[in-house]
Protein backbone atom coordinates (compact mmCIF):
# COMPACT_ATOMS: atom_id res chain seq x y z
CA UNK A 1 46.79 88.23 -23.63
CA UNK A 2 45.46 84.72 -23.21
CA UNK A 3 42.06 84.25 -21.58
CA UNK A 4 41.18 80.68 -20.74
CA UNK A 5 37.82 79.37 -21.46
CA UNK A 6 35.13 78.67 -18.86
CA UNK A 7 33.64 75.93 -21.02
CA UNK A 8 36.30 73.24 -20.67
CA UNK A 9 33.90 70.64 -19.17
CA UNK A 10 30.68 69.02 -20.45
CA UNK A 11 28.99 70.27 -17.39
CA UNK A 12 29.83 73.85 -17.95
CA UNK A 13 28.63 73.66 -21.65
CA UNK A 14 25.39 71.92 -20.47
CA UNK A 15 24.83 74.94 -18.02
CA UNK A 16 25.42 77.39 -20.86
CA UNK A 17 23.03 75.69 -23.22
CA UNK A 18 20.21 75.81 -20.42
CA UNK A 19 20.75 79.47 -19.88
CA UNK A 20 21.24 80.79 -23.44
CA UNK A 21 19.14 80.01 -26.51
CA UNK A 22 21.28 79.89 -29.62
CA UNK A 23 18.76 79.35 -32.33
CA UNK A 24 15.66 81.39 -33.36
CA UNK A 25 14.30 78.22 -35.00
CA UNK A 26 12.74 75.20 -33.25
CA UNK A 27 15.85 73.21 -34.10
CA UNK A 28 17.97 73.99 -31.13
CA UNK A 29 19.34 70.28 -31.06
CA UNK A 30 20.96 70.89 -34.39
CA UNK A 31 23.56 73.21 -32.96
CA UNK A 32 26.34 71.34 -31.31
CA UNK A 33 28.34 72.87 -28.57
CA UNK A 34 31.49 71.11 -27.04
CA UNK A 35 33.88 71.93 -24.40
CA UNK A 36 37.42 72.93 -25.46
CA UNK A 37 40.60 71.78 -23.82
CA UNK A 38 42.41 74.34 -21.76
CA UNK A 39 45.36 74.41 -24.05
CA UNK A 40 43.16 74.57 -27.26
CA UNK A 41 43.18 77.59 -29.48
CA UNK A 42 39.80 78.36 -31.07
CA UNK A 43 40.55 80.23 -34.19
CA UNK A 44 39.98 77.93 -37.25
CA UNK A 45 37.17 76.29 -39.07
CA UNK A 46 36.80 72.88 -40.60
CA UNK A 47 36.70 72.91 -44.37
CA UNK A 48 35.53 69.25 -44.72
CA UNK A 49 32.31 67.70 -43.39
CA UNK A 50 31.06 68.13 -40.80
CA UNK A 51 31.53 71.84 -41.23
CA UNK A 52 31.91 73.77 -38.07
CA UNK A 53 33.29 77.02 -36.73
CA UNK A 54 34.19 78.40 -33.28
CA UNK A 55 32.10 81.13 -31.82
CA UNK A 56 32.91 82.87 -28.52
CA UNK A 57 29.99 82.83 -26.18
CA UNK A 58 30.51 86.53 -25.25
CA UNK A 59 29.08 87.79 -28.50
CA UNK A 60 25.96 85.70 -28.79
CA UNK A 61 23.63 87.60 -26.57
CA UNK A 62 25.03 91.13 -26.77
CA UNK A 63 25.07 91.05 -30.52
CA UNK A 64 21.61 89.17 -30.87
CA UNK A 65 23.41 86.41 -33.03
CA UNK A 66 21.24 83.43 -33.75
CA UNK A 67 22.16 80.12 -35.32
CA UNK A 68 21.93 79.10 -38.03
CA UNK A 69 22.84 82.28 -39.73
CA UNK A 70 20.19 83.63 -42.10
CA UNK A 71 21.25 83.14 -45.85
CA UNK A 72 22.02 86.99 -45.95
CA UNK A 73 24.34 86.77 -42.92
CA UNK A 74 26.09 83.73 -44.20
CA UNK A 75 26.72 85.36 -47.57
CA UNK A 76 28.04 88.54 -46.10
CA UNK A 77 30.37 86.56 -43.82
CA UNK A 78 31.52 84.72 -47.03
CA UNK A 79 31.97 87.81 -49.04
CA UNK A 80 33.88 89.63 -46.22
CA UNK A 81 35.89 86.36 -45.57
CA UNK A 82 35.56 86.72 -41.88
CA UNK A 83 34.57 84.68 -38.84
CA UNK A 84 31.40 85.87 -37.11
CA UNK A 85 33.51 86.94 -34.08
CA UNK A 86 35.77 89.09 -36.18
CA UNK A 87 33.03 91.60 -37.03
CA UNK A 88 32.66 94.59 -34.57
CA UNK A 89 29.23 95.05 -32.94
CA UNK A 90 28.57 98.05 -35.09
CA UNK A 91 29.25 95.92 -38.11
CA UNK A 92 26.75 93.31 -37.04
CA UNK A 93 24.24 96.04 -36.72
CA UNK A 94 25.03 97.19 -40.29
CA UNK A 95 24.56 93.61 -41.61
CA UNK A 96 21.20 93.27 -39.78
CA UNK A 97 19.97 96.64 -40.83
CA UNK A 98 20.39 95.74 -44.51
CA UNK A 99 18.90 92.32 -44.29
């Protein structure tokens, strides 16, 4: 099932950024959000600088995910070799409980 992104324009991304805080630090400007093309798949990461990954907006607030990840969260994602959106909500709760 394909679900198109609502964030295909700079205006929609700005609207999202005004409504949703992405960082628990005071460095909200270090988090870059960009629109995606309607035909673009968002499933990869960039291994070369600048490093980035895709994160679906639907998991940010419900799972209480803040960027940048804490060192513990980042290490858990590395050890498990998964993207942040691949973890089930209960798995995020497990990670946060042991932090």
